[in-house]
Full PDB file with SEQRES, HELIX, SHEET, SSBOND, CRYST1, ORIGX, SCALE, CONECT and MASTER records, all heavy atoms in Angstrom:
SEQRES   1 A   31  LEU PRO THR ASP ALA ARG THR VAL ALA GLN MET PHE ALA          
SEQRES   2 A   31  ALA TYR GLU ASP ALA LYS THR SER TYR ASP GLY VAL ARG          
SEQRES   3 A   31  LEU LEU ASP PHE GLU                                          
HELIX    1 AA1 ALA A    5  ALA A   18  1                                  14    
HELIX    2 AA2 LYS A   19  SER A   21  5                                   3    
CRYST1    1.000    1.000    1.000  90.00  90.00  90.00 P 1           1          
ORIGX1      1.000000  0.000000  0.000000        0.00000                         
ORIGX2      0.000000  1.000000  0.000000        0.00000                         
ORIGX3      0.000000  0.000000  1.000000        0.00000                         
SCALE1      1.000000  0.000000  0.000000        0.00000                         
SCALE2      0.000000  1.000000  0.000000        0.00000                         
SCALE3      0.000000  0.000000  1.000000        0.00000                         
ATOM      1  N   LEU A   1      87.254 123.024 107.747  1.00  0.00           N  
ATOM      2  CA  LEU A   1      87.527 122.550 106.406  1.00  0.00           C  
ATOM      3  C   LEU A   1      86.401 122.684 105.540  1.00  0.00           C  
ATOM      4  O   LEU A   1      85.244 122.512 105.865  1.00  0.00           O  
ATOM      5  CB  LEU A   1      87.966 121.047 106.488  1.00  0.00           C  
ATOM      6  CG  LEU A   1      89.084 120.785 107.229  1.00  0.00           C  
ATOM      7  CD1 LEU A   1      89.429 119.222 107.189  1.00  0.00           C  
ATOM      8  CD2 LEU A   1      90.412 121.535 106.871  1.00  0.00           C  
ATOM      9  N   PRO A   2      86.702 123.051 104.221  1.00  0.00           N  
ATOM     10  CA  PRO A   2      85.593 123.154 103.164  1.00  0.00           C  
ATOM     11  C   PRO A   2      85.020 121.842 102.757  1.00  0.00           C  
ATOM     12  O   PRO A   2      84.008 121.680 102.108  1.00  0.00           O  
ATOM     13  CB  PRO A   2      86.246 123.855 102.028  1.00  0.00           C  
ATOM     14  CG  PRO A   2      87.685 123.445 102.178  1.00  0.00           C  
ATOM     15  CD  PRO A   2      88.006 123.207 103.636  1.00  0.00           C  
ATOM     16  N   THR A   3      85.776 120.724 103.004  1.00  0.00           N  
ATOM     17  CA  THR A   3      85.353 119.369 102.671  1.00  0.00           C  
ATOM     18  C   THR A   3      86.015 118.421 103.527  1.00  0.00           C  
ATOM     19  O   THR A   3      86.769 118.768 104.522  1.00  0.00           O  
ATOM     20  CB  THR A   3      85.691 119.034 101.180  1.00  0.00           C  
ATOM     21  OG1 THR A   3      85.255 117.784 100.730  1.00  0.00           O  
ATOM     22  CG2 THR A   3      87.128 119.236 100.803  1.00  0.00           C  
ATOM     23  N   ASP A   4      86.080 117.094 103.337  1.00  0.00           N  
ATOM     24  CA  ASP A   4      86.739 116.191 104.217  1.00  0.00           C  
ATOM     25  C   ASP A   4      88.206 116.316 104.051  1.00  0.00           C  
ATOM     26  O   ASP A   4      88.731 116.640 103.062  1.00  0.00           O  
ATOM     27  CB  ASP A   4      86.183 114.792 104.003  1.00  0.00           C  
ATOM     28  CG  ASP A   4      86.655 114.265 102.590  1.00  0.00           C  
ATOM     29  OD1 ASP A   4      86.015 114.569 101.610  1.00  0.00           O  
ATOM     30  OD2 ASP A   4      87.804 113.437 102.548  1.00  0.00           O  
ATOM     31  N   ALA A   5      88.863 115.965 105.186  1.00  0.00           N  
ATOM     32  CA  ALA A   5      90.315 116.199 105.260  1.00  0.00           C  
ATOM     33  C   ALA A   5      91.059 115.294 104.238  1.00  0.00           C  
ATOM     34  O   ALA A   5      92.109 115.729 103.763  1.00  0.00           O  
ATOM     35  CB  ALA A   5      90.899 115.808 106.655  1.00  0.00           C  
ATOM     36  N   ARG A   6      90.550 114.097 103.945  1.00  0.00           N  
ATOM     37  CA  ARG A   6      91.228 113.261 102.998  1.00  0.00           C  
ATOM     38  C   ARG A   6      91.276 113.839 101.623  1.00  0.00           C  
ATOM     39  O   ARG A   6      92.268 113.876 100.854  1.00  0.00           O  
ATOM     40  CB  ARG A   6      90.654 111.828 102.940  1.00  0.00           C  
ATOM     41  CG  ARG A   6      90.932 111.159 104.245  1.00  0.00           C  
ATOM     42  CD  ARG A   6      90.479 109.605 104.130  1.00  0.00           C  
ATOM     43  NE  ARG A   6      90.727 108.891 105.458  1.00  0.00           N  
ATOM     44  CZ  ARG A   6      91.881 108.489 105.896  1.00  0.00           C  
ATOM     45  NH1 ARG A   6      92.955 108.585 105.052  1.00  0.00           N  
ATOM     46  NH2 ARG A   6      91.935 107.881 106.939  1.00  0.00           N  
ATOM     47  N   THR A   7      90.128 114.459 101.167  1.00  0.00           N  
ATOM     48  CA  THR A   7      90.026 115.116  99.918  1.00  0.00           C  
ATOM     49  C   THR A   7      91.053 116.282  99.872  1.00  0.00           C  
ATOM     50  O   THR A   7      91.741 116.648  98.788  1.00  0.00           O  
ATOM     51  CB  THR A   7      88.638 115.633  99.697  1.00  0.00           C  
ATOM     52  OG1 THR A   7      87.706 114.485  99.640  1.00  0.00           O  
ATOM     53  CG2 THR A   7      88.492 116.355  98.365  1.00  0.00           C  
ATOM     54  N   VAL A   8      91.180 117.100 100.977  1.00  0.00           N  
ATOM     55  CA  VAL A   8      92.150 118.187 101.011  1.00  0.00           C  
ATOM     56  C   VAL A   8      93.554 117.713 100.923  1.00  0.00           C  
ATOM     57  O   VAL A   8      94.304 118.195 100.106  1.00  0.00           O  
ATOM     58  CB  VAL A   8      91.879 119.018 102.315  1.00  0.00           C  
ATOM     59  CG1 VAL A   8      93.003 120.116 102.337  1.00  0.00           C  
ATOM     60  CG2 VAL A   8      90.526 119.646 102.472  1.00  0.00           C  
ATOM     61  N   ALA A   9      93.828 116.576 101.611  1.00  0.00           N  
ATOM     62  CA  ALA A   9      95.131 115.986 101.442  1.00  0.00           C  
ATOM     63  C   ALA A   9      95.491 115.541 100.113  1.00  0.00           C  
ATOM     64  O   ALA A   9      96.522 115.639  99.521  1.00  0.00           O  
ATOM     65  CB  ALA A   9      95.297 114.801 102.443  1.00  0.00           C  
ATOM     66  N   GLN A  10      94.508 114.846  99.371  1.00  0.00           N  
ATOM     67  CA  GLN A  10      94.576 114.575  98.022  1.00  0.00           C  
ATOM     68  C   GLN A  10      94.992 115.764  97.102  1.00  0.00           C  
ATOM     69  O   GLN A  10      95.707 115.687  96.214  1.00  0.00           O  
ATOM     70  CB  GLN A  10      93.375 113.774  97.518  1.00  0.00           C  
ATOM     71  CG  GLN A  10      93.568 113.187  96.183  1.00  0.00           C  
ATOM     72  CD  GLN A  10      92.215 112.535  95.720  1.00  0.00           C  
ATOM     73  OE1 GLN A  10      91.082 112.621  96.327  1.00  0.00           O  
ATOM     74  NE2 GLN A  10      92.264 111.703  94.702  1.00  0.00           N  
ATOM     75  N   MET A  11      94.145 116.787  97.254  1.00  0.00           N  
ATOM     76  CA  MET A  11      94.304 118.008  96.623  1.00  0.00           C  
ATOM     77  C   MET A  11      95.676 118.636  96.811  1.00  0.00           C  
ATOM     78  O   MET A  11      96.300 119.122  95.759  1.00  0.00           O  
ATOM     79  CB  MET A  11      93.148 118.987  97.024  1.00  0.00           C  
ATOM     80  CG  MET A  11      93.267 120.400  96.396  1.00  0.00           C  
ATOM     81  SD  MET A  11      92.764 120.277  94.714  1.00  0.00           S  
ATOM     82  CE  MET A  11      93.528 121.892  94.186  1.00  0.00           C  
ATOM     83  N   PHE A  12      96.172 118.612  98.018  1.00  0.00           N  
ATOM     84  CA  PHE A  12      97.438 119.129  98.399  1.00  0.00           C  
ATOM     85  C   PHE A  12      98.574 118.376  97.688  1.00  0.00           C  
ATOM     86  O   PHE A  12      99.489 119.036  97.031  1.00  0.00           O  
ATOM     87  CB  PHE A  12      97.597 119.055  99.929  1.00  0.00           C  
ATOM     88  CG  PHE A  12      98.808 119.576 100.463  1.00  0.00           C  
ATOM     89  CD1 PHE A  12      99.743 120.264  99.751  1.00  0.00           C  
ATOM     90  CD2 PHE A  12      99.171 119.344 101.877  1.00  0.00           C  
ATOM     91  CE1 PHE A  12     101.024 120.787 100.328  1.00  0.00           C  
ATOM     92  CE2 PHE A  12     100.252 119.856 102.465  1.00  0.00           C  
ATOM     93  CZ  PHE A  12     101.243 120.609 101.738  1.00  0.00           C  
ATOM     94  N   ALA A  13      98.442 117.043  97.631  1.00  0.00           N  
ATOM     95  CA  ALA A  13      99.504 116.250  97.030  1.00  0.00           C  
ATOM     96  C   ALA A  13      99.453 116.504  95.445  1.00  0.00           C  
ATOM     97  O   ALA A  13     100.571 116.701  94.890  1.00  0.00           O  
ATOM     98  CB  ALA A  13      99.238 114.826  97.306  1.00  0.00           C  
ATOM     99  N   ALA A  14      98.345 116.602  94.876  1.00  0.00           N  
ATOM    100  CA  ALA A  14      98.163 116.878  93.395  1.00  0.00           C  
ATOM    101  C   ALA A  14      98.745 118.247  93.108  1.00  0.00           C  
ATOM    102  O   ALA A  14      99.388 118.455  92.118  1.00  0.00           O  
ATOM    103  CB  ALA A  14      96.744 116.656  93.016  1.00  0.00           C  
ATOM    104  N   TYR A  15      98.465 119.261  93.956  1.00  0.00           N  
ATOM    105  CA  TYR A  15      98.969 120.593  93.743  1.00  0.00           C  
ATOM    106  C   TYR A  15     100.491 120.602  93.797  1.00  0.00           C  
ATOM    107  O   TYR A  15     101.019 121.239  92.890  1.00  0.00           O  
ATOM    108  CB  TYR A  15      98.433 121.480  94.820  1.00  0.00           C  
ATOM    109  CG  TYR A  15      99.025 122.783  94.990  1.00  0.00           C  
ATOM    110  CD1 TYR A  15      98.662 123.896  94.173  1.00  0.00           C  
ATOM    111  CD2 TYR A  15     100.082 123.020  95.928  1.00  0.00           C  
ATOM    112  CE1 TYR A  15      99.259 125.143  94.332  1.00  0.00           C  
ATOM    113  CE2 TYR A  15     100.682 124.392  96.128  1.00  0.00           C  
ATOM    114  CZ  TYR A  15     100.213 125.380  95.340  1.00  0.00           C  
ATOM    115  OH  TYR A  15     100.810 126.500  95.522  1.00  0.00           O  
ATOM    116  N   GLU A  16     101.155 119.970  94.710  1.00  0.00           N  
ATOM    117  CA  GLU A  16     102.555 119.918  94.793  1.00  0.00           C  
ATOM    118  C   GLU A  16     103.145 119.265  93.630  1.00  0.00           C  
ATOM    119  O   GLU A  16     104.115 119.753  93.016  1.00  0.00           O  
ATOM    120  CB  GLU A  16     102.957 119.064  96.017  1.00  0.00           C  
ATOM    121  CG  GLU A  16     102.718 119.943  97.414  1.00  0.00           C  
ATOM    122  CD  GLU A  16     103.505 121.204  97.368  1.00  0.00           C  
ATOM    123  OE1 GLU A  16     104.773 121.085  97.481  1.00  0.00           O  
ATOM    124  OE2 GLU A  16     102.879 122.280  97.398  1.00  0.00           O  
ATOM    125  N   ASP A  17     102.515 118.174  93.054  1.00  0.00           N  
ATOM    126  CA  ASP A  17     103.003 117.498  91.822  1.00  0.00           C  
ATOM    127  C   ASP A  17     102.925 118.397  90.627  1.00  0.00           C  
ATOM    128  O   ASP A  17     103.724 118.429  89.719  1.00  0.00           O  
ATOM    129  CB  ASP A  17     102.131 116.291  91.585  1.00  0.00           C  
ATOM    130  CG  ASP A  17     102.484 115.158  92.602  1.00  0.00           C  
ATOM    131  OD1 ASP A  17     103.642 115.164  93.175  1.00  0.00           O  
ATOM    132  OD2 ASP A  17     101.698 114.185  92.800  1.00  0.00           O  
ATOM    133  N   ALA A  18     101.680 119.108  90.577  1.00  0.00           N  
ATOM    134  CA  ALA A  18     101.403 119.980  89.331  1.00  0.00           C  
ATOM    135  C   ALA A  18     102.492 121.042  89.263  1.00  0.00           C  
ATOM    136  O   ALA A  18     102.755 121.529  88.158  1.00  0.00           O  
ATOM    137  CB  ALA A  18     100.080 120.550  89.481  1.00  0.00           C  
ATOM    138  N   LYS A  19     102.962 121.609  90.284  1.00  0.00           N  
ATOM    139  CA  LYS A  19     103.961 122.641  90.272  1.00  0.00           C  
ATOM    140  C   LYS A  19     105.290 122.238  89.561  1.00  0.00           C  
ATOM    141  O   LYS A  19     106.084 123.091  89.163  1.00  0.00           O  
ATOM    142  CB  LYS A  19     104.261 123.221  91.608  1.00  0.00           C  
ATOM    143  CG  LYS A  19     103.164 124.113  92.297  1.00  0.00           C  
ATOM    144  CD  LYS A  19     103.564 124.964  93.463  1.00  0.00           C  
ATOM    145  CE  LYS A  19     103.718 124.020  94.738  1.00  0.00           C  
ATOM    146  NZ  LYS A  19     105.109 123.465  94.941  1.00  0.00           N  
ATOM    147  N   THR A  20     105.564 120.991  89.613  1.00  0.00           N  
ATOM    148  CA  THR A  20     106.898 120.545  89.087  1.00  0.00           C  
ATOM    149  C   THR A  20     106.903 120.508  87.537  1.00  0.00           C  
ATOM    150  O   THR A  20     107.973 120.458  86.981  1.00  0.00           O  
ATOM    151  CB  THR A  20     107.180 119.100  89.628  1.00  0.00           C  
ATOM    152  OG1 THR A  20     106.233 118.236  89.106  1.00  0.00           O  
ATOM    153  CG2 THR A  20     107.306 119.131  91.122  1.00  0.00           C  
ATOM    154  N   SER A  21     105.698 120.491  86.919  1.00  0.00           N  
ATOM    155  CA  SER A  21     105.661 120.453  85.438  1.00  0.00           C  
ATOM    156  C   SER A  21     104.496 121.326  84.916  1.00  0.00           C  
ATOM    157  O   SER A  21     103.649 120.767  84.213  1.00  0.00           O  
ATOM    158  CB  SER A  21     105.529 119.006  85.056  1.00  0.00           C  
ATOM    159  OG  SER A  21     104.416 118.416  85.515  1.00  0.00           O  
ATOM    160  N   TYR A  22     104.435 122.377  85.307  1.00  0.00           N  
ATOM    161  CA  TYR A  22     103.344 123.337  84.872  1.00  0.00           C  
ATOM    162  C   TYR A  22     103.815 123.956  83.534  1.00  0.00           C  
ATOM    163  O   TYR A  22     104.591 124.947  83.587  1.00  0.00           O  
ATOM    164  CB  TYR A  22     103.097 124.371  85.905  1.00  0.00           C  
ATOM    165  CG  TYR A  22     101.869 125.293  85.509  1.00  0.00           C  
ATOM    166  CD1 TYR A  22     100.526 124.815  85.921  1.00  0.00           C  
ATOM    167  CD2 TYR A  22     101.987 126.512  85.089  1.00  0.00           C  
ATOM    168  CE1 TYR A  22      99.450 125.673  85.634  1.00  0.00           C  
ATOM    169  CE2 TYR A  22     100.977 127.329  84.698  1.00  0.00           C  
ATOM    170  CZ  TYR A  22      99.643 126.837  85.013  1.00  0.00           C  
ATOM    171  OH  TYR A  22      98.525 127.649  84.680  1.00  0.00           O  
ATOM    172  N   ASP A  23     103.284 123.595  82.440  1.00  0.00           N  
ATOM    173  CA  ASP A  23     103.574 124.186  81.148  1.00  0.00           C  
ATOM    174  C   ASP A  23     105.099 124.204  80.892  1.00  0.00           C  
ATOM    175  O   ASP A  23     105.675 125.162  80.344  1.00  0.00           O  
ATOM    176  CB  ASP A  23     102.935 125.539  80.937  1.00  0.00           C  
ATOM    177  CG  ASP A  23     101.455 125.522  80.935  1.00  0.00           C  
ATOM    178  OD1 ASP A  23     100.898 124.527  80.661  1.00  0.00           O  
ATOM    179  OD2 ASP A  23     100.874 126.574  81.335  1.00  0.00           O  
ATOM    180  N   GLY A  24     105.768 123.171  81.374  1.00  0.00           N  
ATOM    181  CA  GLY A  24     107.135 123.017  81.110  1.00  0.00           C  
ATOM    182  C   GLY A  24     108.131 123.887  82.137  1.00  0.00           C  
ATOM    183  O   GLY A  24     109.249 123.921  81.837  1.00  0.00           O  
ATOM    184  N   VAL A  25     107.450 124.574  82.980  1.00  0.00           N  
ATOM    185  CA  VAL A  25     108.270 125.489  83.977  1.00  0.00           C  
ATOM    186  C   VAL A  25     107.899 124.979  85.430  1.00  0.00           C  
ATOM    187  O   VAL A  25     106.772 124.566  85.613  1.00  0.00           O  
ATOM    188  CB  VAL A  25     107.847 126.872  83.817  1.00  0.00           C  
ATOM    189  CG1 VAL A  25     108.633 127.668  84.754  1.00  0.00           C  
ATOM    190  CG2 VAL A  25     108.185 127.297  82.396  1.00  0.00           C  
ATOM    191  N   ARG A  26     108.921 125.011  86.138  1.00  0.00           N  
ATOM    192  CA  ARG A  26     108.750 124.585  87.571  1.00  0.00           C  
ATOM    193  C   ARG A  26     108.199 125.916  88.397  1.00  0.00           C  
ATOM    194  O   ARG A  26     108.855 126.925  88.300  1.00  0.00           O  
ATOM    195  CB  ARG A  26     110.091 124.202  88.257  1.00  0.00           C  
ATOM    196  CG  ARG A  26     109.938 123.798  89.797  1.00  0.00           C  
ATOM    197  CD  ARG A  26     111.067 122.906  90.244  1.00  0.00           C  
ATOM    198  NE  ARG A  26     110.771 122.242  91.423  1.00  0.00           N  
ATOM    199  CZ  ARG A  26     111.344 121.132  91.822  1.00  0.00           C  
ATOM    200  NH1 ARG A  26     112.246 120.621  91.087  1.00  0.00           N  
ATOM    201  NH2 ARG A  26     110.957 120.645  93.035  1.00  0.00           N  
ATOM    202  N   LEU A  27     107.103 125.763  89.096  1.00  0.00           N  
ATOM    203  CA  LEU A  27     106.562 126.826  89.904  1.00  0.00           C  
ATOM    204  C   LEU A  27     106.846 126.698  91.364  1.00  0.00           C  
ATOM    205  O   LEU A  27     106.964 125.581  91.840  1.00  0.00           O  
ATOM    206  CB  LEU A  27     105.066 126.851  89.611  1.00  0.00           C  
ATOM    207  CG  LEU A  27     104.518 127.050  88.281  1.00  0.00           C  
ATOM    208  CD1 LEU A  27     102.941 126.951  88.253  1.00  0.00           C  
ATOM    209  CD2 LEU A  27     105.040 128.452  87.613  1.00  0.00           C  
ATOM    210  N   LEU A  28     107.157 127.801  91.883  1.00  0.00           N  
ATOM    211  CA  LEU A  28     107.317 127.943  93.273  1.00  0.00           C  
ATOM    212  C   LEU A  28     106.357 128.930  93.878  1.00  0.00           C  
ATOM    213  O   LEU A  28     106.311 130.026  93.394  1.00  0.00           O  
ATOM    214  CB  LEU A  28     108.711 128.312  93.685  1.00  0.00           C  
ATOM    215  CG  LEU A  28     110.024 127.484  93.123  1.00  0.00           C  
ATOM    216  CD1 LEU A  28     111.251 128.064  93.655  1.00  0.00           C  
ATOM    217  CD2 LEU A  28     109.868 126.023  93.672  1.00  0.00           C  
ATOM    218  N   ASP A  29     105.561 128.521  94.954  1.00  0.00           N  
ATOM    219  CA  ASP A  29     104.768 129.451  95.617  1.00  0.00           C  
ATOM    220  C   ASP A  29     105.490 130.253  96.770  1.00  0.00           C  
ATOM    221  O   ASP A  29     106.711 129.891  96.942  1.00  0.00           O  
ATOM    222  CB  ASP A  29     103.506 128.732  96.095  1.00  0.00           C  
ATOM    223  CG  ASP A  29     103.782 127.706  97.120  1.00  0.00           C  
ATOM    224  OD1 ASP A  29     104.807 127.626  97.832  1.00  0.00           O  
ATOM    225  OD2 ASP A  29     102.941 126.645  97.122  1.00  0.00           O  
ATOM    226  N   PHE A  30     104.811 131.166  97.509  1.00  0.00           N  
ATOM    227  CA  PHE A  30     105.534 131.842  98.511  1.00  0.00           C  
ATOM    228  C   PHE A  30     106.032 130.975  99.567  1.00  0.00           C  
ATOM    229  O   PHE A  30     107.129 131.324 100.122  1.00  0.00           O  
ATOM    230  CB  PHE A  30     104.647 132.882  98.991  1.00  0.00           C  
ATOM    231  CG  PHE A  30     104.384 134.120  98.217  1.00  0.00           C  
ATOM    232  CD1 PHE A  30     103.256 134.345  97.394  1.00  0.00           C  
ATOM    233  CD2 PHE A  30     105.306 135.169  98.048  1.00  0.00           C  
ATOM    234  CE1 PHE A  30     103.154 135.399  96.511  1.00  0.00           C  
ATOM    235  CE2 PHE A  30     105.280 136.234  97.259  1.00  0.00           C  
ATOM    236  CZ  PHE A  30     104.147 136.363  96.476  1.00  0.00           C  
ATOM    237  N   GLU A  31     105.381 129.960  99.940  1.00  0.00           N  
ATOM    238  CA  GLU A  31     105.956 129.015 100.967  1.00  0.00           C  
ATOM    239  C   GLU A  31     107.261 128.380 100.442  1.00  0.00           C  
ATOM    240  O   GLU A  31     108.203 128.074 101.209  1.00  0.00           O  
ATOM    241  CB  GLU A  31     104.919 128.060 101.470  1.00  0.00           C  
ATOM    242  CG  GLU A  31     103.737 128.652 102.224  1.00  0.00           C  
ATOM    243  CD  GLU A  31     102.812 129.381 101.264  1.00  0.00           C  
ATOM    244  OE1 GLU A  31     102.493 128.957 100.188  1.00  0.00           O  
ATOM    245  OE2 GLU A  31     102.538 130.593 101.594  1.00  0.00           O  
TER     246      GLU A  31                                                      
MASTER        0    0    0    2    0    0    0    6  245    1    0    3          
END                                                                             
C-alpha cells in the first residue's frame, strides 16, 4: 500500500460517491 489501509478505504468510498454526481453526469469506470 502507498499509505495506511484506512486512508485507502476512505479514498475508495469517496471515489465511489464522486462518480454518482460528477459535473451532473454519472460516471462508470471499467469495473
